[in-house]
Amino acid sequence: TVSCADILALAARDAVSLAAGLGKGIAMTNQSLYQVETGRRDGFVSRASEAEAHLPSSYANISALKANFGAHAIGNSHCFSFDKRLKRYRGKGGIDPTLDPHYAIKLISKCRPGNGTTTGMVPGSSTTFDAEYYELVAKRRGLFHSDAALLHDKVTRDYVYSRLKSPESSFFADFGSAMVKMGKVGVLTGKAGEIRKNCALLNR
């Protein structure tokens, strides 16, 4: 008997493993990324609004990121998620000084008002799960203000720069360890919750 919560945790790991392996042309098995601990039970409440309420803003500071486990490595973003960094920084106008000006100019040329444009969160590596993100953050080319925030804290700043000197395999190991730890936060086990017969519906 496998819960929907376990299926989701396994699917998330497998999707990341696929993005890493295909993007780099390397052989990576799901298990080599990290082992998913199973035994979760399903809750009685599933609301998108609950998840959204705990996702940090793209303008979040380092305290908010630490409190809400904020991070990203793949995907695209709409321009409205970062456009204040390009023209209305802190309501005063101008470009965010923590953003590389050459990168900012490229974003400005792409994000025309009202065109609904999206751009890669990690330019050149937005569909590949890898450590390229840290190189861009170190060059002040992180797309979001929350990316730049990593350089404003000693612990996260040191980690960003350590990634530039470490093999990518060590990043995968760190990621796997973090995912296992986060998989234990608020988890339901024992007799708590239920095992849903249909993942979209409560049993009762």
Protein backbone atom coordinates (compact mmCIF):
# COMPACT_ATOMS: atom_id res chain seq x y z
CA THR A 1 0.00 0.00 0.00
CA VAL A 2 1.49 3.30 -1.11
CA SER A 3 0.11 6.71 -0.18
CA CYS A 4 -0.42 9.56 -2.61
CA ALA A 5 2.08 11.55 -0.52
CA ASP A 6 4.74 8.91 -1.15
CA ILE A 7 3.92 8.81 -4.87
CA LEU A 8 4.35 12.59 -5.06
CA ALA A 9 7.70 12.44 -3.24
CA LEU A 10 8.95 9.67 -5.54
CA ALA A 11 7.72 11.44 -8.68
CA ALA A 12 9.44 14.68 -7.64
CA ARG A 13 12.75 12.87 -7.14
CA ASP A 14 12.42 10.99 -10.44
CA ALA A 15 11.60 14.17 -12.38
CA VAL A 16 14.67 15.94 -11.01
CA SER A 17 16.81 12.89 -11.76
CA LEU A 18 15.54 12.90 -15.35
CA ALA A 19 16.25 16.62 -15.77
CA ALA A 20 19.78 16.15 -14.46
CA GLY A 21 20.61 13.06 -16.49
CA LEU A 22 19.17 14.14 -19.83
CA GLY A 23 20.44 17.69 -19.58
CA LYS A 24 24.04 16.65 -19.02
CA GLY A 25 23.95 13.49 -21.11
CA ILE A 26 25.00 11.46 -18.08
CA ALA A 27 23.73 8.22 -16.66
CA MET A 28 21.92 9.03 -13.46
CA THR A 29 19.54 6.62 -11.81
CA ASN A 30 16.79 7.87 -9.54
CA GLN A 31 18.36 6.11 -6.57
CA SER A 32 21.76 7.68 -7.20
CA LEU A 33 20.27 11.15 -6.65
CA TYR A 34 18.79 10.29 -3.26
CA GLN A 35 16.72 7.62 -1.55
CA VAL A 36 13.13 8.63 -0.84
CA GLU A 37 11.98 7.58 2.62
CA THR A 38 8.45 6.20 2.34
CA GLY A 39 5.74 5.56 4.91
CA ARG A 40 3.92 8.89 4.70
CA ARG A 41 0.16 9.07 5.02
CA ASP A 42 -2.19 11.45 3.25
CA GLY A 43 -3.74 14.44 4.97
CA PHE A 44 -7.40 15.45 5.11
CA VAL A 45 -6.83 18.87 3.51
CA SER A 46 -5.38 19.70 0.09
CA ARG A 47 -5.56 23.31 -0.96
CA ALA A 48 -3.35 25.09 -3.47
CA SER A 49 -3.78 28.25 -1.41
CA GLU A 50 -1.98 26.62 1.54
CA ALA A 51 1.06 25.83 -0.58
CA GLU A 52 1.04 29.25 -2.22
CA ALA A 53 0.87 30.98 1.15
CA HIS A 54 4.21 29.44 2.11
CA LEU A 55 6.07 30.02 -1.16
CA PRO A 56 8.52 32.90 -0.75
CA SER A 57 8.16 35.89 -3.04
CA SER A 58 10.68 36.47 -5.83
CA TYR A 59 11.53 39.64 -3.87
CA ALA A 60 12.03 37.78 -0.57
CA ASN A 61 15.00 38.54 1.67
CA ILE A 62 17.30 35.89 3.07
CA SER A 63 15.31 35.51 6.30
CA ALA A 64 12.13 34.68 4.37
CA LEU A 65 14.01 32.23 2.16
CA LYS A 66 15.41 30.36 5.15
CA ALA A 67 12.03 30.28 6.86
CA ASN A 68 10.23 28.92 3.82
CA PHE A 69 12.90 26.75 2.17
CA GLY A 70 12.98 29.04 -0.88
CA ALA A 71 15.02 27.80 -3.85
CA HIS A 72 14.90 27.10 -7.57
CA ALA A 73 17.15 25.54 -10.20
CA ILE A 74 15.02 24.98 -13.31
CA GLY A 75 12.05 26.58 -15.01
CA ASN A 76 10.80 29.83 -16.51
CA SER A 77 9.33 32.99 -15.04
CA HIS A 78 6.99 35.71 -16.25
CA CYS A 79 8.55 39.15 -16.45
CA PHE A 80 6.23 40.59 -13.80
CA SER A 81 8.03 38.47 -11.21
CA PHE A 82 11.19 40.54 -11.53
CA ASP A 83 10.35 43.67 -13.56
CA LYS A 84 10.68 45.95 -10.52
CA ARG A 85 14.39 45.17 -10.57
CA LEU A 86 14.59 46.63 -14.07
CA LYS A 87 12.72 49.93 -13.79
CA ARG A 88 11.10 50.58 -10.43
CA TYR A 89 13.66 49.38 -7.92
CA ARG A 90 12.34 50.20 -4.44
CA GLY A 91 9.87 52.61 -6.03
CA LYS A 92 12.61 55.03 -7.04
CA GLY A 93 13.15 53.98 -10.63
CA GLY A 94 16.29 52.61 -12.22
CA ILE A 95 17.92 49.19 -12.22
CA ASP A 96 18.55 47.17 -9.07
CA PRO A 97 22.26 47.82 -8.27
CA THR A 98 22.68 44.18 -7.21
CA LEU A 99 21.87 43.06 -10.78
CA ASP A 100 24.58 42.85 -13.45
CA PRO A 101 23.80 45.81 -15.77
CA HIS A 102 24.55 43.91 -18.98
CA TYR A 103 22.16 41.14 -17.94
CA ALA A 104 19.59 43.77 -16.95
CA ILE A 105 19.72 45.33 -20.43
CA LYS A 106 19.03 41.92 -22.01
CA LEU A 107 16.04 41.44 -19.72
CA ILE A 108 14.70 44.92 -20.47
CA SER A 109 14.87 44.28 -24.22
CA LYS A 110 12.97 41.02 -23.78
CA CYS A 111 10.34 42.15 -21.29
CA ARG A 112 8.24 44.57 -23.30
CA PRO A 113 5.17 45.93 -21.47
CA GLY A 114 2.07 43.79 -21.90
CA ASN A 115 3.62 41.01 -23.99
CA GLY A 116 3.42 38.32 -21.30
CA THR A 117 6.98 37.19 -22.03
CA THR A 118 8.68 34.50 -19.98
CA THR A 119 12.39 33.94 -19.57
CA GLY A 120 14.56 31.21 -18.12
CA MET A 121 15.20 31.38 -14.39
CA VAL A 122 18.71 30.10 -15.10
CA PRO A 123 19.74 31.45 -18.54
CA GLY A 124 21.18 28.69 -20.72
CA SER A 125 20.32 26.01 -18.18
CA SER A 126 16.61 26.45 -17.41
CA THR A 127 15.62 22.90 -18.34
CA THR A 128 18.64 21.16 -16.85
CA PHE A 129 19.03 20.43 -13.15
CA ASP A 130 22.63 21.34 -12.33
CA ALA A 131 24.80 23.75 -10.33
CA GLU A 132 24.97 26.42 -13.06
CA TYR A 133 22.63 28.55 -10.95
CA TYR A 134 25.38 29.32 -8.43
CA GLU A 135 27.77 30.58 -11.09
CA LEU A 136 25.13 33.03 -12.27
CA VAL A 137 24.35 34.22 -8.75
CA ALA A 138 28.07 34.85 -8.15
CA LYS A 139 28.12 36.96 -11.34
CA ARG A 140 25.05 38.94 -10.13
CA ARG A 141 22.92 37.38 -12.85
CA GLY A 142 20.33 35.77 -10.64
CA LEU A 143 16.92 36.60 -12.09
CA PHE A 144 15.14 37.39 -8.82
CA HIS A 145 15.90 39.69 -5.93
CA SER A 146 15.73 36.53 -3.80
CA ASP A 147 18.68 35.16 -5.81
CA ALA A 148 20.77 38.23 -5.06
CA ALA A 149 19.79 37.84 -1.39
CA LEU A 150 22.00 34.75 -1.17
CA LEU A 151 25.02 37.03 -1.35
CA HIS A 152 23.80 39.14 1.59
CA ASP A 153 24.23 36.39 4.19
CA LYS A 154 27.59 34.90 5.16
CA VAL A 155 26.40 31.28 5.28
CA THR A 156 24.61 31.32 1.94
CA ARG A 157 27.27 33.51 0.31
CA ASP A 158 30.01 31.10 1.36
CA TYR A 159 27.97 28.21 -0.04
CA VAL A 160 27.50 29.97 -3.39
CA TYR A 161 31.23 30.52 -3.78
CA SER A 162 32.07 27.02 -2.53
CA ARG A 163 30.02 25.62 -5.41
CA LEU A 164 32.36 27.29 -7.90
CA LYS A 165 35.27 25.24 -6.58
CA SER A 166 33.48 21.93 -5.98
CA PRO A 167 32.50 19.08 -8.32
CA GLU A 168 28.87 19.06 -9.38
CA SER A 169 28.42 15.67 -7.72
CA SER A 170 28.78 17.37 -4.33
CA PHE A 171 25.86 19.67 -5.20
CA PHE A 172 23.69 16.66 -6.04
CA ALA A 173 24.67 15.11 -2.70
CA ASP A 174 23.77 18.29 -0.81
CA PHE A 175 20.47 18.56 -2.68
CA GLY A 176 19.57 14.96 -1.91
CA SER A 177 20.37 15.40 1.77
CA ALA A 178 18.22 18.55 1.94
CA MET A 179 15.29 16.85 0.22
CA VAL A 180 15.36 13.93 2.65
CA LYS A 181 15.35 16.35 5.59
CA MET A 182 12.50 18.43 4.16
CA GLY A 183 10.56 15.25 3.46
CA LYS A 184 10.28 14.78 7.22
CA VAL A 185 8.76 18.21 7.91
CA GLY A 186 5.13 17.92 9.00
CA VAL A 187 4.89 14.36 7.69
CA LEU A 188 1.95 12.18 8.77
CA THR A 189 2.80 8.64 9.89
CA GLY A 190 1.35 5.89 12.08
CA LYS A 191 -2.41 6.34 12.39
CA ALA A 192 -2.45 10.01 11.41
CA GLY A 193 -4.21 10.96 8.19
CA GLU A 194 -5.26 8.24 5.76
CA ILE A 195 -4.24 6.35 2.62
CA ARG A 196 -6.38 7.78 -0.14
CA LYS A 197 -8.05 5.43 -2.62
CA ASN A 198 -8.20 8.28 -5.12
CA CYS A 199 -5.47 10.92 -4.83
CA ALA A 200 -7.89 13.67 -5.88
CA LEU A 201 -10.47 12.85 -3.19
CA LEU A 202 -10.70 12.19 0.52
CA ASN A 203 -11.89 8.71 1.45
CA ARG A 204 -14.92 10.20 3.18
